[in-house]
């Protein structure tokens, strides 16, 4: 169950990062509310996952899902640059996430 909590927490990190961008510095109330709600839910689920997962594994996976997910959303939705170097960097993050999962005892 910890891995499910952690995955959802990571996905919520993508949601709050995107909605924070949309909030335009917390000047748009709806996007700001989504940001805050997603942050709270993400942190709560991360905390639940840490009951049984090691700190380093849980935090690395959580931030990795958020980083790669925000990168993909930035390209797909916001029209950000998709250079070869940025794509290789994202792939290296994904490789690190896979290795963290494989090395986790839980």
PDB file of N, CA and C in Angstrom:
ATOM      1  N   UNK A   1       0.819  -1.196   0.000  1.00  0.00           N
ATOM      2  CA  UNK A   1       0.000   0.000   0.000  1.00  0.00           C
ATOM      3  C   UNK A   1       0.862   1.259   0.000  1.00  0.00           C
ATOM      4  N   UNK A   2       2.043   1.178   0.605  1.00  0.00           N
ATOM      5  CA  UNK A   2       2.938   2.343   0.678  1.00  0.00           C
ATOM      6  C   UNK A   2       3.326   2.827  -0.710  1.00  0.00           C
ATOM      7  N   UNK A   3       3.548   1.897  -1.630  1.00  0.00           N
ATOM      8  CA  UNK A   3       3.935   2.288  -2.986  1.00  0.00           C
ATOM      9  C   UNK A   3       2.779   2.973  -3.715  1.00  0.00           C
ATOM     10  N   UNK A   4       1.569   2.557  -3.434  1.00  0.00           N
ATOM     11  CA  UNK A   4       0.402   3.214  -4.029  1.00  0.00           C
ATOM     12  C   UNK A   4       0.281   4.631  -3.492  1.00  0.00           C
ATOM     13  N   UNK A   5       0.407   4.782  -2.168  1.00  0.00           N
ATOM     14  CA  UNK A   5       0.378   6.121  -1.573  1.00  0.00           C
ATOM     15  C   UNK A   5       1.457   7.004  -2.178  1.00  0.00           C
ATOM     16  N   UNK A   6       2.644   6.448  -2.315  1.00  0.00           N
ATOM     17  CA  UNK A   6       3.768   7.221  -2.840  1.00  0.00           C
ATOM     18  C   UNK A   6       3.548   7.626  -4.291  1.00  0.00           C
ATOM     19  N   UNK A   7       3.015   6.734  -5.090  1.00  0.00           N
ATOM     20  CA  UNK A   7       2.737   7.053  -6.492  1.00  0.00           C
ATOM     21  C   UNK A   7       1.702   8.169  -6.606  1.00  0.00           C
ATOM     22  N   UNK A   8       0.636   8.058  -5.831  1.00  0.00           N
ATOM     23  CA  UNK A   8      -0.393   9.109  -5.864  1.00  0.00           C
ATOM     24  C   UNK A   8       0.171  10.428  -5.357  1.00  0.00           C
ATOM     25  N   UNK A   9       0.998  10.369  -4.320  1.00  0.00           N
ATOM     26  CA  UNK A   9       1.640  11.587  -3.803  1.00  0.00           C
ATOM     27  C   UNK A   9       2.487  12.245  -4.881  1.00  0.00           C
ATOM     28  N   UNK A  10       3.230  11.440  -5.644  1.00  0.00           N
ATOM     29  CA  UNK A  10       4.044  11.974  -6.733  1.00  0.00           C
ATOM     30  C   UNK A  10       3.198  12.596  -7.826  1.00  0.00           C
ATOM     31  N   UNK A  11       2.089  11.953  -8.159  1.00  0.00           N
ATOM     32  CA  UNK A  11       1.185  12.509  -9.173  1.00  0.00           C
ATOM     33  C   UNK A  11       0.573  13.827  -8.694  1.00  0.00           C
ATOM     34  N   UNK A  12       0.255  13.888  -7.411  1.00  0.00           N
ATOM     35  CA  UNK A  12      -0.270  15.144  -6.858  1.00  0.00           C
ATOM     36  C   UNK A  12       0.791  16.240  -6.852  1.00  0.00           C
ATOM     37  N   UNK A  13       2.043  15.843  -6.757  1.00  0.00           N
ATOM     38  CA  UNK A  13       3.110  16.844  -6.854  1.00  0.00           C
ATOM     39  C   UNK A  13       3.105  17.489  -8.242  1.00  0.00           C
ATOM     40  N   UNK A  14       2.846  16.706  -9.263  1.00  0.00           N
ATOM     41  CA  UNK A  14       2.734  17.254 -10.619  1.00  0.00           C
ATOM     42  C   UNK A  14       1.557  18.228 -10.683  1.00  0.00           C
ATOM     43  N   UNK A  15       0.434  17.836 -10.085  1.00  0.00           N
ATOM     44  CA  UNK A  15      -0.758  18.688 -10.084  1.00  0.00           C
ATOM     45  C   UNK A  15      -0.457  20.022  -9.420  1.00  0.00           C
ATOM     46  N   UNK A  16       0.177  19.977  -8.234  1.00  0.00           N
ATOM     47  CA  UNK A  16       0.415  21.251  -7.554  1.00  0.00           C
ATOM     48  C   UNK A  16       1.461  22.099  -8.259  1.00  0.00           C
ATOM     49  N   UNK A  17       2.429  21.485  -8.881  1.00  0.00           N
ATOM     50  CA  UNK A  17       3.419  22.277  -9.622  1.00  0.00           C
ATOM     51  C   UNK A  17       2.757  22.982 -10.803  1.00  0.00           C
ATOM     52  N   UNK A  18       1.928  22.253 -11.536  1.00  0.00           N
ATOM     53  CA  UNK A  18       1.237  22.841 -12.673  1.00  0.00           C
ATOM     54  C   UNK A  18       0.270  23.937 -12.222  1.00  0.00           C
ATOM     55  N   UNK A  19      -0.516  23.644 -11.187  1.00  0.00           N
ATOM     56  CA  UNK A  19      -1.487  24.652 -10.739  1.00  0.00           C
ATOM     57  C   UNK A  19      -0.799  25.863 -10.123  1.00  0.00           C
ATOM     58  N   UNK A  20       0.382  25.662  -9.546  1.00  0.00           N
ATOM     59  CA  UNK A  20       1.130  26.814  -9.035  1.00  0.00           C
ATOM     60  C   UNK A  20       1.549  27.717 -10.194  1.00  0.00           C
ATOM     61  N   UNK A  21       1.987  27.121 -11.275  1.00  0.00           N
ATOM     62  CA  UNK A  21       2.326  27.898 -12.469  1.00  0.00           C
ATOM     63  C   UNK A  21       1.099  28.666 -12.955  1.00  0.00           C
ATOM     64  N   UNK A  22      -0.047  27.984 -12.956  1.00  0.00           N
ATOM     65  CA  UNK A  22      -1.285  28.604 -13.414  1.00  0.00           C
ATOM     66  C   UNK A  22      -1.801  29.682 -12.456  1.00  0.00           C
ATOM     67  N   UNK A  23      -1.356  29.625 -11.198  1.00  0.00           N
ATOM     68  CA  UNK A  23      -1.832  30.602 -10.211  1.00  0.00           C
ATOM     69  C   UNK A  23      -1.227  31.989 -10.401  1.00  0.00           C
ATOM     70  N   UNK A  24      -0.195  32.054 -11.240  1.00  0.00           N
ATOM     71  CA  UNK A  24       0.484  33.336 -11.521  1.00  0.00           C
ATOM     72  C   UNK A  24       0.875  34.046 -10.231  1.00  0.00           C
ATOM     73  N   UNK A  25       1.676  33.335  -9.430  1.00  0.00           N
ATOM     74  CA  UNK A  25       2.162  33.918  -8.179  1.00  0.00           C
ATOM     75  C   UNK A  25       1.076  34.017  -7.117  1.00  0.00           C
ATOM     76  N   UNK A  26       0.178  33.067  -7.103  1.00  0.00           N
ATOM     77  CA  UNK A  26      -0.946  33.017  -6.165  1.00  0.00           C
ATOM     78  C   UNK A  26      -1.869  34.227  -6.297  1.00  0.00           C
ATOM     79  N   UNK A  27      -1.998  34.729  -7.511  1.00  0.00           N
ATOM     80  CA  UNK A  27      -2.921  35.840  -7.761  1.00  0.00           C
ATOM     81  C   UNK A  27      -4.248  35.365  -8.337  1.00  0.00           C
ATOM     82  N   UNK A  28      -4.329  34.098  -8.704  1.00  0.00           N
ATOM     83  CA  UNK A  28      -5.577  33.522  -9.226  1.00  0.00           C
ATOM     84  C   UNK A  28      -6.120  32.546  -8.177  1.00  0.00           C
ATOM     85  N   UNK A  29      -7.231  32.893  -7.537  1.00  0.00           N
ATOM     86  CA  UNK A  29      -7.731  32.115  -6.400  1.00  0.00           C
ATOM     87  C   UNK A  29      -7.997  30.632  -6.683  1.00  0.00           C
ATOM     88  N   UNK A  30      -8.622  30.303  -7.792  1.00  0.00           N
ATOM     89  CA  UNK A  30      -8.951  28.900  -8.065  1.00  0.00           C
ATOM     90  C   UNK A  30      -7.688  28.054  -8.212  1.00  0.00           C
ATOM     91  N   UNK A  31      -6.758  28.517  -9.012  1.00  0.00           N
ATOM     92  CA  UNK A  31      -5.502  27.781  -9.201  1.00  0.00           C
ATOM     93  C   UNK A  31      -4.712  27.726  -7.893  1.00  0.00           C
ATOM     94  N   UNK A  32      -4.767  28.787  -7.115  1.00  0.00           N
ATOM     95  CA  UNK A  32      -4.080  28.811  -5.819  1.00  0.00           C
ATOM     96  C   UNK A  32      -4.673  27.777  -4.868  1.00  0.00           C
ATOM     97  N   UNK A  33      -6.005  27.670  -4.865  1.00  0.00           N
ATOM     98  CA  UNK A  33      -6.678  26.692  -4.003  1.00  0.00           C
ATOM     99  C   UNK A  33      -6.318  25.264  -4.409  1.00  0.00           C
ATOM    100  N   UNK A  34      -6.286  25.002  -5.714  1.00  0.00           N
ATOM    101  CA  UNK A  34      -5.893  23.672  -6.193  1.00  0.00           C
ATOM    102  C   UNK A  34      -4.460  23.373  -5.764  1.00  0.00           C
ATOM    103  N   UNK A  35      -3.577  24.357  -5.884  1.00  0.00           N
ATOM    104  CA  UNK A  35      -2.182  24.181  -5.488  1.00  0.00           C
ATOM    105  C   UNK A  35      -2.084  23.763  -4.028  1.00  0.00           C
ATOM    106  N   UNK A  36      -2.738  24.507  -3.167  1.00  0.00           N
ATOM    107  CA  UNK A  36      -2.649  24.243  -1.728  1.00  0.00           C
ATOM    108  C   UNK A  36      -3.272  22.892  -1.370  1.00  0.00           C
ATOM    109  N   UNK A  37      -4.421  22.585  -1.941  1.00  0.00           N
ATOM    110  CA  UNK A  37      -5.080  21.298  -1.660  1.00  0.00           C
ATOM    111  C   UNK A  37      -4.219  20.123  -2.140  1.00  0.00           C
ATOM    112  N   UNK A  38      -3.659  20.240  -3.329  1.00  0.00           N
ATOM    113  CA  UNK A  38      -2.812  19.163  -3.867  1.00  0.00           C
ATOM    114  C   UNK A  38      -1.534  19.015  -3.053  1.00  0.00           C
ATOM    115  N   UNK A  39      -0.987  20.139  -2.586  1.00  0.00           N
ATOM    116  CA  UNK A  39       0.219  20.073  -1.741  1.00  0.00           C
ATOM    117  C   UNK A  39      -0.067  19.315  -0.450  1.00  0.00           C
ATOM    118  N   UNK A  40      -1.160  19.678   0.210  1.00  0.00           N
ATOM    119  CA  UNK A  40      -1.505  19.026   1.476  1.00  0.00           C
ATOM    120  C   UNK A  40      -1.732  17.527   1.262  1.00  0.00           C
ATOM    121  N   UNK A  41      -2.486  17.176   0.239  1.00  0.00           N
ATOM    122  CA  UNK A  41      -2.751  15.762  -0.042  1.00  0.00           C
ATOM    123  C   UNK A  41      -1.461  15.021  -0.395  1.00  0.00           C
ATOM    124  N   UNK A  42      -0.604  15.650  -1.188  1.00  0.00           N
ATOM    125  CA  UNK A  42       0.658  15.036  -1.577  1.00  0.00           C
ATOM    126  C   UNK A  42       1.537  14.770  -0.360  1.00  0.00           C
ATOM    127  N   UNK A  43       1.666  15.766   0.510  1.00  0.00           N
ATOM    128  CA  UNK A  43       2.480  15.599   1.721  1.00  0.00           C
ATOM    129  C   UNK A  43       1.883  14.535   2.641  1.00  0.00           C
ATOM    130  N   UNK A  44       0.561  14.509   2.765  1.00  0.00           N
ATOM    131  CA  UNK A  44      -0.078  13.519   3.631  1.00  0.00           C
ATOM    132  C   UNK A  44       0.185  12.107   3.130  1.00  0.00           C
ATOM    133  N   UNK A  45       0.047  11.896   1.822  1.00  0.00           N
ATOM    134  CA  UNK A  45       0.300  10.568   1.261  1.00  0.00           C
ATOM    135  C   UNK A  45       1.777  10.191   1.328  1.00  0.00           C
ATOM    136  N   UNK A  46       2.650  11.157   1.126  1.00  0.00           N
ATOM    137  CA  UNK A  46       4.087  10.894   1.285  1.00  0.00           C
ATOM    138  C   UNK A  46       4.362  10.445   2.716  1.00  0.00           C
ATOM    139  N   UNK A  47       3.761  11.132   3.673  1.00  0.00           N
ATOM    140  CA  UNK A  47       3.946  10.774   5.075  1.00  0.00           C
ATOM    141  C   UNK A  47       3.468   9.354   5.361  1.00  0.00           C
ATOM    142  N   UNK A  48       2.323   8.988   4.811  1.00  0.00           N
ATOM    143  CA  UNK A  48       1.816   7.627   4.998  1.00  0.00           C
ATOM    144  C   UNK A  48       2.760   6.593   4.391  1.00  0.00           C
ATOM    145  N   UNK A  49       3.304   6.901   3.238  1.00  0.00           N
ATOM    146  CA  UNK A  49       4.211   5.946   2.594  1.00  0.00           C
ATOM    147  C   UNK A  49       5.487   5.760   3.405  1.00  0.00           C
ATOM    148  N   UNK A  50       5.892   6.812   4.116  1.00  0.00           N
ATOM    149  CA  UNK A  50       7.131   6.741   4.892  1.00  0.00           C
ATOM    150  C   UNK A  50       6.994   5.907   6.167  1.00  0.00           C
ATOM    151  N   UNK A  51       5.786   5.472   6.480  1.00  0.00           N
ATOM    152  CA  UNK A  51       5.621   4.585   7.625  1.00  0.00           C
ATOM    153  C   UNK A  51       6.343   3.261   7.397  1.00  0.00           C
ATOM    154  N   UNK A  52       6.428   2.845   6.129  1.00  0.00           N
ATOM    155  CA  UNK A  52       7.077   1.563   5.856  1.00  0.00           C
ATOM    156  C   UNK A  52       8.216   1.638   4.840  1.00  0.00           C
ATOM    157  N   UNK A  53       8.323   2.742   4.112  1.00  0.00           N
ATOM    158  CA  UNK A  53       9.419   2.876   3.144  1.00  0.00           C
ATOM    159  C   UNK A  53      10.556   3.692   3.756  1.00  0.00           C
ATOM    160  N   UNK A  54      11.782   3.404   3.357  1.00  0.00           N
ATOM    161  CA  UNK A  54      12.905   4.216   3.841  1.00  0.00           C
ATOM    162  C   UNK A  54      12.780   5.667   3.372  1.00  0.00           C
ATOM    163  N   UNK A  55      13.223   6.583   4.196  1.00  0.00           N
ATOM    164  CA  UNK A  55      13.172   8.007   3.885  1.00  0.00           C
ATOM    165  C   UNK A  55      13.777   8.315   2.526  1.00  0.00           C
ATOM    166  N   UNK A  56      15.002   7.864   2.305  1.00  0.00           N
ATOM    167  CA  UNK A  56      15.701   8.180   1.056  1.00  0.00           C
ATOM    168  C   UNK A  56      14.960   7.671  -0.162  1.00  0.00           C
ATOM    169  N   UNK A  57      14.423   6.472  -0.074  1.00  0.00           N
ATOM    170  CA  UNK A  57      13.677   5.902  -1.197  1.00  0.00           C
ATOM    171  C   UNK A  57      12.392   6.672  -1.446  1.00  0.00           C
ATOM    172  N   UNK A  58      11.612   6.881  -0.393  1.00  0.00           N
ATOM    173  CA  UNK A  58      10.321   7.561  -0.551  1.00  0.00           C
ATOM    174  C   UNK A  58      10.506   8.978  -1.084  1.00  0.00           C
ATOM    175  N   UNK A  59      11.420   9.714  -0.500  1.00  0.00           N
ATOM    176  CA  UNK A  59      11.593  11.102  -0.918  1.00  0.00           C
ATOM    177  C   UNK A  59      12.132  11.197  -2.343  1.00  0.00           C
ATOM    178  N   UNK A  60      13.064  10.333  -2.688  1.00  0.00           N
ATOM    179  CA  UNK A  60      13.632  10.341  -4.042  1.00  0.00           C
ATOM    180  C   UNK A  60      12.570   9.984  -5.079  1.00  0.00           C
ATOM    181  N   UNK A  61      11.783   8.968  -4.818  1.00  0.00           N
ATOM    182  CA  UNK A  61      10.735   8.568  -5.758  1.00  0.00           C
ATOM    183  C   UNK A  61       9.703   9.692  -5.899  1.00  0.00           C
ATOM    184  N   UNK A  62       9.294  10.280  -4.775  1.00  0.00           N
ATOM    185  CA  UNK A  62       8.299  11.354  -4.777  1.00  0.00           C
ATOM    186  C   UNK A  62       8.772  12.545  -5.599  1.00  0.00           C
ATOM    187  N   UNK A  63       9.987  13.001  -5.328  1.00  0.00           N
ATOM    188  CA  UNK A  63      10.492  14.151  -6.078  1.00  0.00           C
ATOM    189  C   UNK A  63      10.752  13.792  -7.539  1.00  0.00           C
ATOM    190  N   UNK A  64      11.176  12.562  -7.788  1.00  0.00           N
ATOM    191  CA  UNK A  64      11.429  12.139  -9.163  1.00  0.00           C
ATOM    192  C   UNK A  64      10.165  12.104 -10.007  1.00  0.00           C
ATOM    193  N   UNK A  65       9.093  11.536  -9.432  1.00  0.00           N
ATOM    194  CA  UNK A  65       7.817  11.528 -10.154  1.00  0.00           C
ATOM    195  C   UNK A  65       7.390  12.954 -10.445  1.00  0.00           C
ATOM    196  N   UNK A  66       7.509  13.811  -9.448  1.00  0.00           N
ATOM    197  CA  UNK A  66       7.128  15.210  -9.627  1.00  0.00           C
ATOM    198  C   UNK A  66       7.973  15.924 -10.657  1.00  0.00           C
ATOM    199  N   UNK A  67       9.275  15.700 -10.613  1.00  0.00           N
ATOM    200  CA  UNK A  67      10.183  16.384 -11.545  1.00  0.00           C
ATOM    201  C   UNK A  67       9.948  15.941 -12.984  1.00  0.00           C
ATOM    202  N   UNK A  68       9.911  14.640 -13.202  1.00  0.00           N
ATOM    203  CA  UNK A  68       9.714  14.138 -14.567  1.00  0.00           C
ATOM    204  C   UNK A  68       8.300  14.463 -15.049  1.00  0.00           C
ATOM    205  N   UNK A  69       7.327  14.321 -14.170  1.00  0.00           N
ATOM    206  CA  UNK A  69       5.953  14.644 -14.545  1.00  0.00           C
ATOM    207  C   UNK A  69       5.778  16.110 -14.895  1.00  0.00           C
ATOM    208  N   UNK A  70       6.367  16.993 -14.098  1.00  0.00           N
ATOM    209  CA  UNK A  70       6.287  18.428 -14.390  1.00  0.00           C
ATOM    210  C   UNK A  70       7.004  18.745 -15.697  1.00  0.00           C
ATOM    211  N   UNK A  71       8.092  18.055 -15.962  1.00  0.00           N
ATOM    212  CA  UNK A  71       8.824  18.222 -17.215  1.00  0.00           C
ATOM    213  C   UNK A  71       7.930  17.852 -18.406  1.00  0.00           C
ATOM    214  N   UNK A  72       7.255  16.713 -18.305  1.00  0.00           N
ATOM    215  CA  UNK A  72       6.376  16.256 -19.381  1.00  0.00           C
ATOM    216  C   UNK A  72       5.193  17.211 -19.556  1.00  0.00           C
ATOM    217  N   UNK A  73       4.584  17.631 -18.456  1.00  0.00           N
ATOM    218  CA  UNK A  73       3.460  18.574 -18.521  1.00  0.00           C
ATOM    219  C   UNK A  73       3.917  19.897 -19.136  1.00  0.00           C
ATOM    220  N   UNK A  74       5.106  20.336 -18.759  1.00  0.00           N
ATOM    221  CA  UNK A  74       5.639  21.575 -19.324  1.00  0.00           C
ATOM    222  C   UNK A  74       5.764  21.508 -20.835  1.00  0.00           C
ATOM    223  N   UNK A  75       6.224  20.394 -21.327  1.00  0.00           N
ATOM    224  CA  UNK A  75       6.367  20.226 -22.775  1.00  0.00           C
ATOM    225  C   UNK A  75       4.999  20.038 -23.442  1.00  0.00           C
ATOM    226  N   UNK A  76       4.206  19.115 -22.893  1.00  0.00           N
ATOM    227  CA  UNK A  76       2.939  18.738 -23.534  1.00  0.00           C
ATOM    228  C   UNK A  76       1.863  19.825 -23.453  1.00  0.00           C
ATOM    229  N   UNK A  77       1.806  20.527 -22.345  1.00  0.00           N
ATOM    230  CA  UNK A  77       0.712  21.477 -22.141  1.00  0.00           C
ATOM    231  C   UNK A  77       1.167  22.931 -22.256  1.00  0.00           C
ATOM    232  N   UNK A  78       2.344  23.223 -21.744  1.00  0.00           N
ATOM    233  CA  UNK A  78       2.805  24.618 -21.712  1.00  0.00           C
ATOM    234  C   UNK A  78       3.707  24.988 -22.882  1.00  0.00           C
ATOM    235  N   UNK A  79       4.033  24.023 -23.726  1.00  0.00           N
ATOM    236  CA  UNK A  79       4.851  24.313 -24.906  1.00  0.00           C
ATOM    237  C   UNK A  79       6.304  24.615 -24.609  1.00  0.00           C
ATOM    238  N   UNK A  80       6.817  24.063 -23.504  1.00  0.00           N
ATOM    239  CA  UNK A  80       8.223  24.292 -23.163  1.00  0.00           C
ATOM    240  C   UNK A  80       9.136  23.490 -24.091  1.00  0.00           C
ATOM    241  N   UNK A  81      10.386  23.886 -24.138  1.00  0.00           N
ATOM    242  CA  UNK A  81      11.373  23.277 -25.021  1.00  0.00           C
ATOM    243  C   UNK A  81      11.608  21.805 -24.674  1.00  0.00           C
ATOM    244  N   UNK A  82      11.725  20.974 -25.705  1.00  0.00           N
ATOM    245  CA  UNK A  82      12.009  19.546 -25.536  1.00  0.00           C
ATOM    246  C   UNK A  82      13.329  19.209 -26.215  1.00  0.00           C
ATOM    247  N   UNK A  83      14.409  19.759 -25.716  1.00  0.00           N
ATOM    248  CA  UNK A  83      15.716  19.505 -26.325  1.00  0.00           C
ATOM    249  C   UNK A  83      16.201  18.099 -25.976  1.00  0.00           C
ATOM    250  N   UNK A  84      17.128  17.614 -26.762  1.00  0.00           N
ATOM    251  CA  UNK A  84      17.687  16.285 -26.534  1.00  0.00           C
ATOM    252  C   UNK A  84      18.332  16.199 -25.154  1.00  0.00           C
ATOM    253  N   UNK A  85      19.021  17.232 -24.744  1.00  0.00           N
ATOM    254  CA  UNK A  85      19.686  17.231 -23.438  1.00  0.00           C
ATOM    255  C   UNK A  85      18.670  17.132 -22.305  1.00  0.00           C
ATOM    256  N   UNK A  86      17.574  17.869 -22.402  1.00  0.00           N
ATOM    257  CA  UNK A  86      16.545  17.815 -21.360  1.00  0.00           C
ATOM    258  C   UNK A  86      15.882  16.443 -21.325  1.00  0.00           C
ATOM    259  N   UNK A  87      15.665  15.844 -22.472  1.00  0.00           N
ATOM    260  CA  UNK A  87      15.042  14.521 -22.523  1.00  0.00           C
ATOM    261  C   UNK A  87      15.975  13.468 -21.926  1.00  0.00           C
ATOM    262  N   UNK A  88      17.254  13.538 -22.248  1.00  0.00           N
ATOM    263  CA  UNK A  88      18.224  12.606 -21.659  1.00  0.00           C
ATOM    264  C   UNK A  88      18.271  12.784 -20.141  1.00  0.00           C
ATOM    265  N   UNK A  89      18.241  14.014 -19.665  1.00  0.00           N
ATOM    266  CA  UNK A  89      18.247  14.269 -18.228  1.00  0.00           C
ATOM    267  C   UNK A  89      17.027  13.637 -17.567  1.00  0.00           C
ATOM    268  N   UNK A  90      15.849  13.778 -18.179  1.00  0.00           N
ATOM    269  CA  UNK A  90      14.628  13.172 -17.629  1.00  0.00           C
ATOM    270  C   UNK A  90      14.741  11.649 -17.629  1.00  0.00           C
ATOM    271  N   UNK A  91      15.305  11.080 -18.680  1.00  0.00           N
ATOM    272  CA  UNK A  91      15.482   9.626 -18.735  1.00  0.00           C
ATOM    273  C   UNK A  91      16.439   9.139 -17.643  1.00  0.00           C
ATOM    274  N   UNK A  92      17.447   9.924 -17.355  1.00  0.00           N
ATOM    275  CA  UNK A  92      18.371   9.561 -16.279  1.00  0.00           C
ATOM    276  C   UNK A  92      17.666   9.591 -14.922  1.00  0.00           C
ATOM    277  N   UNK A  93      16.768  10.546 -14.737  1.00  0.00           N
ATOM    278  CA  UNK A  93      15.980  10.585 -13.497  1.00  0.00           C
ATOM    279  C   UNK A  93      15.118   9.333 -13.393  1.00  0.00           C
ATOM    280  N   UNK A  94      14.463   8.965 -14.485  1.00  0.00           N
ATOM    281  CA  UNK A  94      13.621   7.759 -14.488  1.00  0.00           C
ATOM    282  C   UNK A  94      14.473   6.527 -14.183  1.00  0.00           C
ATOM    283  N   UNK A  95      15.657   6.438 -14.762  1.00  0.00           N
ATOM    284  CA  UNK A  95      16.548   5.306 -14.479  1.00  0.00           C
ATOM    285  C   UNK A  95      16.895   5.264 -12.991  1.00  0.00           C
ATOM    286  N   UNK A  96      17.146   6.413 -12.407  1.00  0.00           N
ATOM    287  CA  UNK A  96      17.424   6.476 -10.976  1.00  0.00           C
ATOM    288  C   UNK A  96      16.240   6.025 -10.143  1.00  0.00           C
ATOM    289  N   UNK A  97      15.036   6.391 -10.563  1.00  0.00           N
ATOM    290  CA  UNK A  97      13.834   5.969  -9.838  1.00  0.00           C
ATOM    291  C   UNK A  97      13.670   4.454  -9.883  1.00  0.00           C
ATOM    292  N   UNK A  98      13.913   3.884 -11.053  1.00  0.00           N
ATOM    293  CA  UNK A  98      13.806   2.423 -11.193  1.00  0.00           C
ATOM    294  C   UNK A  98      14.824   1.734 -10.281  1.00  0.00           C
ATOM    295  N   UNK A  99      16.042   2.246 -10.262  1.00  0.00           N
ATOM    296  CA  UNK A  99      17.064   1.651  -9.403  1.00  0.00           C
ATOM    297  C   UNK A  99      16.716   1.791  -7.923  1.00  0.00           C
ATOM    298  N   UNK A 100      16.147   2.924  -7.532  1.00  0.00           N
ATOM    299  CA  UNK A 100      15.727   3.089  -6.137  1.00  0.00           C
ATOM    300  C   UNK A 100      14.649   2.073  -5.782  1.00  0.00           C
ATOM    301  N   UNK A 101      13.686   1.877  -6.672  1.00  0.00           N
ATOM    302  CA  UNK A 101      12.613   0.903  -6.418  1.00  0.00           C
ATOM    303  C   UNK A 101      13.194  -0.498  -6.318  1.00  0.00           C
ATOM    304  N   UNK A 102      14.086  -0.851  -7.229  1.00  0.00           N
ATOM    305  CA  UNK A 102      14.673  -2.193  -7.214  1.00  0.00           C
ATOM    306  C   UNK A 102      15.523  -2.441  -5.979  1.00  0.00           C
ATOM    307  N   UNK A 103      16.122  -1.389  -5.444  1.00  0.00           N
ATOM    308  CA  UNK A 103      16.993  -1.559  -4.285  1.00  0.00           C
ATOM    309  C   UNK A 103      16.261  -1.437  -2.954  1.00  0.00           C
ATOM    310  N   UNK A 104      14.975  -1.146  -2.999  1.00  0.00           N
ATOM    311  CA  UNK A 104      14.199  -0.951  -1.771  1.00  0.00           C
ATOM    312  C   UNK A 104      13.798  -2.297  -1.177  1.00  0.00           C
ATOM    313  N   UNK A 105      13.989  -2.448   0.129  1.00  0.00           N
ATOM    314  CA  UNK A 105      13.600  -3.694   0.770  1.00  0.00           C
ATOM    315  C   UNK A 105      12.091  -3.867   0.914  1.00  0.00           C
ATOM    316  N   UNK A 106      11.349  -2.770   0.860  1.00  0.00           N
ATOM    317  CA  UNK A 106       9.883  -2.852   1.074  1.00  0.00           C
ATOM    318  C   UNK A 106       9.138  -3.168  -0.191  1.00  0.00           C
TER     319      UNK A 106
END
